[in-house]
Amino acid sequence: MSAAAPQPSAPQPFDFRDPAFLADPYPVFRHLRATAPVFKAPLGRWFLTRYEDTATLLRDKRFGRGYHDPEAMVRRFGPTAMAEPAVVELTHMMLMRDPPDHTRLRGLVTKAFTARRIEALRDSIQQLTDRLVDKVAERGGMDAIRDLAFPLPVLVICELLGIPEADRQRFVTGSSSGGALLNPTPPTRAELDRANAGSIESSAYFEALFEQRRRDPRDDLITQLVQAEEAGDRLTTAELRANVSLLFAAGHETTVNLIGNGFHSLLRHPQQWRILRDDPTLVANAIEEVLRFESPVQAVGRTASEPVELGGVALARNDIVVALVGGVNRDPAMFDDPERFDITRKDLRPLSFGGGIHFCLGAQLARIEAAVVFETILRRLPDLRLTDPDNPKWRPSFVLRGLTELPVAWTG
């Protein structure tokens, strides 16, 4: 069946910066799916809320990232796009590139993310998790974000990249970036300024670290990439800087949200927590249901490289198409009773890690980290509960959905 005809002149039904929308975007997604599942908003972007359309978008080679085109960058980020350090850095990231550049850049880091190498990290992830839980076990309570969900993925990606131990605390006590440049609407001047400041600061740190690794190579991913840059034909200096920043941010941002959203969803549904506590073999399936129900990444975008039909709607060349993943993962055509959180749900295939050539490189690592955390808490703090269940503190970011804090308690 063809999609309902979009209404370009209709007012945009949601505001990506509205705290009420950020707290609960799902009614908006349901409305869009029912009335205009391929919807053109006033700013010209198209939005998808159906699973089938999104699966096509992620795998069809006629849809790319389009970050090589200065005009496309102006449409995304405004007239000063190519003068903004953070935007320029984005253009060099493999996540934003199309083949052949994407193929070349991803190939450089794939060796560090092999299934065997990631699985080998499980023991160190368990040790880190135990140390973090040891620090709070006798307190009877903690902020599950600050004390566990945030520091663990940061420490893990620091280890994988090769960030010196002496520098790691600065990252552990930091905060998530918020990902304003990833939102489906052009950033404000204030958001650009914050992103530029973060980009400049992180570039300065990594430039100094690259110089250290040139003088003193180690068995880590940063050394591997520095050596590729020095070879001169595989990685430019700008690409080196941008992609290490990408790996660091992507290596912890989504995992922080996966763990935090997981605790929030499980503890807001106590029966589900009890089911998991009684049968920890369901942890892997519970993680997939968390990914579906509260996706850490709420949107992915592509640009049409030629005229193409999607969901019964004709798209023009250079049209920007954004899949609203949080809504897509609740499509009743794919998932029965999709608004219900159910860790025993069968045949779970959420699109939270994307698809096609841009499928998340760190998906396996994120799943292992989340599994170790949930298994450890189920074993050590089985009566975990929310202390303020009615007032979740959602981050002021749409694309990267997560909590700024999550107070929990247990019987000491």
Protein backbone atom coordinates (compact mmCIF):
# COMPACT_ATOMS: atom_id res chain seq x y z
CA MET A 1 0.00 0.00 0.00
CA SER A 2 1.31 3.44 -0.87
CA ALA A 3 1.98 5.95 1.88
CA ALA A 4 -0.45 8.76 2.57
CA ALA A 5 0.40 11.83 0.55
CA PRO A 6 2.65 14.19 2.53
CA GLN A 7 1.56 17.75 3.18
CA PRO A 8 4.55 20.07 2.76
CA SER A 9 2.58 23.13 3.85
CA ALA A 10 1.37 21.54 7.10
CA PRO A 11 2.98 22.85 10.30
CA GLN A 12 5.77 20.74 11.76
CA PRO A 13 4.09 18.64 14.45
CA PHE A 14 7.03 18.52 16.82
CA ASP A 15 10.00 20.49 18.05
CA PHE A 16 13.24 18.53 18.54
CA ARG A 17 14.24 20.91 21.35
CA ASP A 18 10.94 20.83 23.25
CA PRO A 19 11.51 19.20 26.70
CA ALA A 20 8.04 17.64 26.58
CA PHE A 21 8.81 16.02 23.22
CA LEU A 22 12.24 14.86 24.44
CA ALA A 23 10.63 13.29 27.49
CA ASP A 24 8.16 11.27 25.40
CA PRO A 25 8.44 11.49 21.60
CA TYR A 26 6.49 8.29 20.97
CA PRO A 27 2.95 9.74 20.67
CA VAL A 28 4.25 12.02 17.90
CA PHE A 29 5.82 9.05 16.13
CA ARG A 30 2.56 7.09 16.34
CA HIS A 31 0.63 10.03 14.90
CA LEU A 32 3.07 10.44 12.00
CA ARG A 33 3.01 6.73 11.19
CA ALA A 34 -0.79 6.76 11.11
CA THR A 35 -1.20 9.94 9.06
CA ALA A 36 1.98 10.52 7.00
CA PRO A 37 4.60 7.80 7.43
CA VAL A 38 6.76 9.50 4.79
CA PHE A 39 6.39 13.09 5.94
CA LYS A 40 7.94 16.26 4.54
CA ALA A 41 8.46 18.87 7.25
CA PRO A 42 8.49 22.63 6.54
CA LEU A 43 12.31 22.73 6.58
CA GLY A 44 12.34 20.31 3.65
CA ARG A 45 13.50 17.15 5.39
CA TRP A 46 11.57 13.92 5.01
CA PHE A 47 10.82 11.78 8.08
CA LEU A 48 10.16 8.04 8.17
CA THR A 49 8.35 6.10 10.91
CA ARG A 50 7.87 2.67 9.30
CA TYR A 51 10.27 -0.23 9.71
CA GLU A 52 10.16 -1.41 6.09
CA ASP A 53 10.90 2.05 4.69
CA THR A 54 13.80 2.52 7.10
CA ALA A 55 15.32 -0.86 6.32
CA THR A 56 15.27 0.17 2.65
CA LEU A 57 16.81 3.56 3.41
CA LEU A 58 19.71 2.02 5.32
CA ARG A 59 20.60 -0.53 2.64
CA ASP A 60 19.73 1.13 -0.67
CA LYS A 61 22.90 2.48 -2.34
CA ARG A 62 20.89 5.35 -3.83
CA PHE A 63 20.90 6.89 -0.35
CA GLY A 64 24.21 8.17 0.98
CA ARG A 65 25.53 10.58 3.57
CA GLY A 66 26.21 13.51 1.24
CA TYR A 67 28.71 15.23 3.55
CA HIS A 68 31.15 15.74 0.67
CA ASP A 69 28.84 18.35 -0.89
CA PRO A 70 29.30 21.92 0.48
CA GLU A 71 25.79 22.90 -0.64
CA ALA A 72 24.34 19.95 1.27
CA MET A 73 26.30 21.02 4.34
CA VAL A 74 24.81 24.51 4.13
CA ARG A 75 21.32 22.98 3.99
CA ARG A 76 22.10 20.94 7.09
CA PHE A 77 24.04 23.40 9.22
CA GLY A 78 23.37 26.88 7.86
CA PRO A 79 25.29 29.41 5.75
CA THR A 80 28.47 29.33 7.88
CA ALA A 81 28.71 25.51 7.78
CA MET A 82 32.17 25.17 6.24
CA ALA A 83 33.62 27.81 8.56
CA GLU A 84 32.62 25.86 11.68
CA PRO A 85 35.42 23.62 13.05
CA ALA A 86 32.98 21.02 14.37
CA VAL A 87 31.16 20.78 11.03
CA VAL A 88 34.41 20.49 9.08
CA GLU A 89 35.49 17.71 11.45
CA LEU A 90 32.24 15.87 10.74
CA THR A 91 33.01 15.83 7.02
CA HIS A 92 36.15 13.77 7.68
CA MET A 93 34.46 11.11 9.82
CA MET A 94 33.88 7.69 8.29
CA LEU A 95 30.32 7.72 9.65
CA MET A 96 29.57 10.67 7.37
CA ARG A 97 31.39 9.46 4.26
CA ASP A 98 30.26 7.40 1.29
CA PRO A 99 32.35 4.84 -0.60
CA PRO A 100 35.15 4.76 -1.53
CA ASP A 101 36.26 7.00 1.36
CA HIS A 102 34.02 5.20 3.84
CA THR A 103 35.38 1.83 2.74
CA ARG A 104 38.98 3.01 3.17
CA LEU A 105 38.42 4.64 6.56
CA ARG A 106 36.34 1.83 8.04
CA GLY A 107 38.86 -0.73 6.84
CA LEU A 108 41.54 0.96 8.94
CA VAL A 109 39.71 0.38 12.22
CA THR A 110 37.87 -2.88 11.53
CA LYS A 111 40.82 -4.97 12.78
CA ALA A 112 40.41 -3.47 16.25
CA PHE A 113 36.74 -4.48 16.33
CA THR A 114 36.90 -8.12 15.30
CA ALA A 115 34.50 -10.40 17.15
CA ARG A 116 37.38 -12.28 18.78
CA ARG A 117 39.16 -9.14 19.96
CA ILE A 118 35.97 -7.59 21.37
CA GLU A 119 34.97 -10.81 23.14
CA ALA A 120 38.46 -10.91 24.68
CA LEU A 121 37.61 -7.63 26.46
CA ARG A 122 34.84 -9.28 28.49
CA ASP A 123 37.08 -10.13 31.46
CA SER A 124 38.44 -6.59 31.74
CA ILE A 125 34.89 -5.20 31.38
CA GLN A 126 33.82 -7.47 34.26
CA GLN A 127 36.72 -6.30 36.41
CA LEU A 128 35.93 -2.64 35.73
CA THR A 129 32.25 -3.21 36.50
CA ASP A 130 33.04 -4.97 39.77
CA ARG A 131 35.31 -2.11 40.85
CA LEU A 132 32.63 0.46 40.12
CA VAL A 133 30.00 -1.55 42.02
CA ASP A 134 32.42 -2.09 44.92
CA LYS A 135 32.63 1.69 45.35
CA VAL A 136 28.88 2.04 45.93
CA ALA A 137 27.72 -1.35 47.23
CA GLU A 138 27.61 -0.33 50.92
CA ARG A 139 25.97 3.04 50.30
CA GLY A 140 22.54 1.62 49.60
CA GLY A 141 22.12 3.94 46.62
CA MET A 142 23.82 5.57 43.63
CA ASP A 143 23.28 7.60 40.51
CA ALA A 144 23.28 4.76 37.99
CA ILE A 145 24.47 7.12 35.25
CA ARG A 146 27.29 8.92 37.07
CA ASP A 147 28.50 5.92 39.08
CA LEU A 148 28.17 3.11 36.53
CA ALA A 149 26.61 3.67 33.09
CA PHE A 150 28.89 6.60 32.21
CA PRO A 151 32.34 5.65 33.57
CA LEU A 152 32.36 2.04 32.37
CA PRO A 153 32.09 2.64 28.59
CA VAL A 154 34.46 5.61 28.87
CA LEU A 155 37.12 3.45 30.53
CA VAL A 156 36.61 0.65 28.00
CA ILE A 157 37.01 2.88 24.94
CA CYS A 158 40.02 4.57 26.55
CA GLU A 159 41.62 1.14 26.88
CA LEU A 160 40.81 0.15 23.30
CA LEU A 161 42.10 3.40 21.81
CA GLY A 162 45.17 3.55 24.03
CA ILE A 163 44.47 6.72 26.00
CA PRO A 164 47.06 6.83 28.84
CA GLU A 165 45.77 5.81 32.26
CA ALA A 166 46.90 9.14 33.71
CA ASP A 167 44.48 10.94 31.35
CA ARG A 168 41.43 8.73 31.78
CA GLN A 169 39.99 10.39 34.86
CA ARG A 170 39.41 13.62 32.92
CA PHE A 171 37.13 11.71 30.59
CA VAL A 172 35.42 9.72 33.37
CA THR A 173 34.45 12.92 35.18
CA GLY A 174 33.34 14.62 31.97
CA SER A 175 29.89 14.56 30.43
CA SER A 176 28.22 13.38 27.26
CA SER A 177 28.45 15.73 24.29
CA GLY A 178 24.74 15.88 23.61
CA GLY A 179 25.18 15.44 19.86
CA ALA A 180 23.44 18.68 18.84
CA LEU A 181 24.98 18.55 15.36
CA LEU A 182 23.31 15.19 14.76
CA ASN A 183 19.79 16.53 15.28
CA PRO A 184 17.54 16.63 12.20
CA THR A 185 17.21 20.42 12.33
CA PRO A 186 19.95 23.03 11.78
CA PRO A 187 21.84 23.83 15.00
CA THR A 188 21.48 27.16 16.77
CA ARG A 189 24.42 29.52 17.05
CA ALA A 190 24.84 28.52 20.70
CA GLU A 191 24.87 24.82 19.77
CA LEU A 192 27.47 25.45 17.06
CA ASP A 193 29.63 27.41 19.50
CA ARG A 194 29.53 24.59 22.06
CA ALA A 195 30.29 21.99 19.40
CA ASN A 196 33.19 24.08 18.06
CA ALA A 197 34.67 24.51 21.54
CA GLY A 198 34.46 20.77 22.17
CA SER A 199 35.98 19.98 18.78
CA ILE A 200 38.90 22.37 19.30
CA GLU A 201 39.59 21.03 22.81
CA SER A 202 39.47 17.39 21.77
CA SER A 203 41.60 18.05 18.67
CA ALA A 204 44.30 19.67 20.80
CA TYR A 205 44.35 16.69 23.20
CA PHE A 206 44.50 14.07 20.46
CA GLU A 207 47.12 15.97 18.44
CA ALA A 208 49.41 15.81 21.47
CA LEU A 209 48.65 12.12 21.95
CA PHE A 210 49.35 11.37 18.28
CA GLU A 211 52.77 12.97 18.67
CA GLN A 212 53.43 10.75 21.68
CA ARG A 213 52.50 7.65 19.70
CA ARG A 214 54.77 8.68 16.83
CA ARG A 215 57.66 8.77 19.28
CA ASP A 216 56.52 5.82 21.41
CA PRO A 217 54.31 3.34 19.50
CA ARG A 218 52.05 1.03 21.52
CA ASP A 219 49.78 -1.91 20.82
CA ASP A 220 46.62 0.19 20.52
CA LEU A 221 44.27 1.59 17.93
CA ILE A 222 45.65 5.13 18.03
CA THR A 223 49.14 3.85 17.19
CA GLN A 224 47.68 1.78 14.35
CA LEU A 225 45.95 4.85 12.89
CA VAL A 226 48.98 7.13 13.40
CA GLN A 227 51.11 4.67 11.46
CA ALA A 228 48.51 4.62 8.66
CA GLU A 229 48.61 8.43 8.55
CA GLU A 230 52.41 8.39 8.40
CA ALA A 231 52.24 6.02 5.43
CA GLY A 232 50.73 8.98 3.61
CA ASP A 233 48.33 7.22 1.29
CA ARG A 234 45.63 5.83 3.56
CA LEU A 235 44.74 8.50 6.11
CA THR A 236 45.14 12.26 6.14
CA THR A 237 45.95 14.18 9.29
CA ALA A 238 42.45 15.68 9.33
CA GLU A 239 40.93 12.20 8.93
CA LEU A 240 43.10 10.84 11.73
CA ARG A 241 42.00 13.57 14.12
CA ALA A 242 38.30 13.35 13.17
CA ASN A 243 38.02 9.57 13.28
CA VAL A 244 39.76 9.13 16.61
CA SER A 245 37.34 11.72 18.01
CA LEU A 246 34.48 9.79 16.41
CA LEU A 247 35.63 6.46 17.84
CA PHE A 248 35.98 7.94 21.31
CA ALA A 249 32.53 9.59 21.26
CA ALA A 250 30.70 6.75 19.52
CA GLY A 251 32.51 4.22 21.70
CA HIS A 252 30.80 5.43 24.83
CA GLU A 253 27.85 7.72 23.99
CA THR A 254 25.42 5.03 22.82
CA THR A 255 26.53 2.51 25.45
CA VAL A 256 25.98 4.99 28.29
CA ASN A 257 22.45 5.46 26.99
CA LEU A 258 21.86 1.75 26.41
CA ILE A 259 22.79 0.93 30.01
CA GLY A 260 20.95 3.89 31.51
CA ASN A 261 17.83 3.40 29.38
CA GLY A 262 17.98 -0.29 30.22
CA PHE A 263 17.90 0.27 33.95
CA HIS A 264 15.18 2.88 33.56
CA SER A 265 12.96 0.62 31.43
CA LEU A 266 13.50 -2.48 33.55
CA LEU A 267 12.93 -0.77 36.88
CA ARG A 268 9.88 1.14 35.65
CA HIS A 269 8.45 -2.27 34.82
CA PRO A 270 9.21 -4.19 38.05
CA GLN A 271 7.65 -7.39 36.78
CA GLN A 272 10.16 -7.42 33.91
CA TRP A 273 13.02 -6.87 36.36
CA ARG A 274 11.75 -9.81 38.44
CA ILE A 275 11.52 -12.01 35.34
CA LEU A 276 15.12 -11.13 34.48
CA ARG A 277 16.30 -11.64 38.06
CA ASP A 278 14.69 -15.09 38.11
CA ASP A 279 16.14 -16.02 34.71
CA PRO A 280 19.38 -14.12 33.90
CA THR A 281 19.72 -16.11 30.67
CA LEU A 282 17.24 -13.57 29.28
CA VAL A 283 19.79 -10.74 29.56
CA ALA A 284 20.76 -10.80 25.87
CA ASN A 285 17.10 -10.69 24.79
CA ALA A 286 16.36 -7.98 27.35
CA ILE A 287 19.11 -5.82 25.80
CA GLU A 288 17.49 -6.16 22.37
CA GLU A 289 14.14 -5.14 23.86
CA VAL A 290 15.74 -2.10 25.51
CA LEU A 291 17.27 -1.18 22.14
CA ARG A 292 13.82 -1.44 20.59
CA PHE A 293 11.82 0.25 23.34
CA GLU A 294 14.17 3.14 24.22
CA SER A 295 16.65 3.30 21.38
CA PRO A 296 19.88 5.10 22.38
CA VAL A 297 19.95 6.54 18.84
CA GLN A 298 16.62 8.02 17.82
CA ALA A 299 17.31 9.07 14.24
CA VAL A 300 19.57 8.32 11.27
CA GLY A 301 19.76 10.40 8.11
CA ARG A 302 20.63 9.83 4.48
CA THR A 303 20.61 11.92 1.28
CA ALA A 304 19.09 10.75 -1.99
CA SER A 305 21.78 10.64 -4.68
CA GLU A 306 19.15 10.47 -7.44
CA PRO A 307 15.35 10.65 -7.79
CA VAL A 308 13.90 7.64 -5.98
CA GLU A 309 10.58 6.39 -4.67
CA LEU A 310 10.37 5.39 -1.02
CA GLY A 311 7.22 4.21 0.70
CA GLY A 312 5.14 5.25 -2.27
CA VAL A 313 6.47 8.82 -2.24
CA ALA A 314 8.69 10.38 -4.93
CA LEU A 315 11.91 11.91 -3.55
CA ALA A 316 14.17 14.26 -5.48
CA ARG A 317 17.94 14.16 -5.79
CA ASN A 318 19.62 15.72 -2.70
CA ASP A 319 16.52 15.30 -0.52
CA ILE A 320 17.47 14.63 3.09
CA VAL A 321 15.63 11.66 4.61
CA VAL A 322 15.61 11.00 8.36
CA ALA A 323 14.39 7.74 9.86
CA LEU A 324 12.92 8.32 13.31
CA VAL A 325 14.35 5.11 14.77
CA GLY A 326 12.49 5.40 18.06
CA GLY A 327 9.23 5.31 16.13
CA VAL A 328 10.42 2.75 13.60
CA ASN A 329 11.24 0.33 16.43
CA ARG A 330 7.60 0.59 17.58
CA ASP A 331 6.04 -0.11 14.18
CA PRO A 332 3.11 -2.51 14.77
CA ALA A 333 3.68 -3.96 11.31
CA MET A 334 6.93 -5.39 12.68
CA PHE A 335 6.33 -5.77 16.43
CA ASP A 336 3.17 -7.01 18.13
CA ASP A 337 1.83 -4.66 20.82
CA PRO A 338 4.87 -2.41 20.28
CA GLU A 339 4.18 0.01 23.14
CA ARG A 340 4.57 -2.82 25.66
CA PHE A 341 8.01 -3.45 27.18
CA ASP A 342 8.54 -7.23 27.15
CA ILE A 343 11.96 -8.82 27.62
CA THR A 344 10.59 -12.21 26.50
CA ARG A 345 9.57 -10.83 23.09
CA LYS A 346 10.57 -13.09 20.18
CA ASP A 347 12.30 -12.28 16.88
CA LEU A 348 13.70 -8.92 17.97
CA ARG A 349 15.41 -6.98 15.19
CA PRO A 350 15.51 -3.33 16.23
CA LEU A 351 17.29 -0.90 13.91
CA SER A 352 19.00 0.97 16.75
CA PHE A 353 22.50 0.19 15.44
CA GLY A 354 21.63 1.19 11.88
CA GLY A 355 22.15 -1.06 8.89
CA GLY A 356 23.98 -1.49 5.63
CA ILE A 357 27.56 -0.28 5.29
CA HIS A 358 27.17 2.10 8.24
CA PHE A 359 26.03 -0.59 10.71
CA CYS A 360 27.52 0.36 14.07
CA LEU A 361 31.09 -0.89 14.33
CA GLY A 362 30.84 -1.08 18.12
CA ALA A 363 27.48 -2.89 18.37
CA GLN A 364 29.03 -6.08 19.76
CA LEU A 365 31.07 -4.14 22.30
CA ALA A 366 28.01 -2.19 23.47
CA ARG A 367 26.02 -5.39 23.89
CA ILE A 368 28.81 -7.04 25.90
CA GLU A 369 29.20 -4.03 28.19
CA ALA A 370 25.46 -3.86 28.82
CA ALA A 371 25.26 -7.61 29.44
CA VAL A 372 28.11 -7.56 31.96
CA VAL A 373 26.54 -4.62 33.82
CA PHE A 374 23.05 -6.11 34.01
CA GLU A 375 24.34 -9.57 34.97
CA THR A 376 26.52 -8.04 37.70
CA ILE A 377 23.73 -5.91 39.18
CA LEU A 378 21.28 -8.82 39.07
CA ARG A 379 23.80 -10.88 41.01
CA ARG A 380 25.04 -8.28 43.47
CA LEU A 381 22.14 -5.81 43.89
CA PRO A 382 19.06 -7.84 42.92
CA ASP A 383 16.57 -5.59 44.73
CA LEU A 384 17.57 -2.47 42.80
CA ARG A 385 14.77 0.10 42.52
CA LEU A 386 14.20 3.63 41.25
CA THR A 387 14.05 6.30 43.96
CA ASP A 388 12.32 8.91 41.78
CA PRO A 389 10.44 6.92 39.12
CA ASP A 390 8.12 9.74 38.07
CA ASN A 391 10.76 12.34 37.21
CA PRO A 392 13.28 10.96 34.72
CA LYS A 393 15.94 13.50 33.72
CA TRP A 394 16.28 13.17 29.96
CA ARG A 395 19.23 14.74 28.17
CA PRO A 396 18.47 17.86 26.10
CA SER A 397 19.28 15.94 22.91
CA PHE A 398 16.97 14.18 20.50
CA VAL A 399 19.20 11.91 18.42
CA LEU A 400 21.17 10.58 21.39
CA ARG A 401 18.42 9.59 23.83
CA GLY A 402 19.54 9.05 27.39
CA LEU A 403 19.31 10.23 30.98
CA THR A 404 21.49 12.78 32.75
CA GLU A 405 20.95 11.04 36.08
CA LEU A 406 19.13 7.97 37.41
CA PRO A 407 18.98 7.65 41.21
CA VAL A 408 18.52 4.07 42.40
CA ALA A 409 18.58 2.34 45.76
CA TRP A 410 18.82 -1.13 47.26
CA THR A 411 18.84 -2.79 50.64
CA GLY A 412 22.33 -2.48 52.07
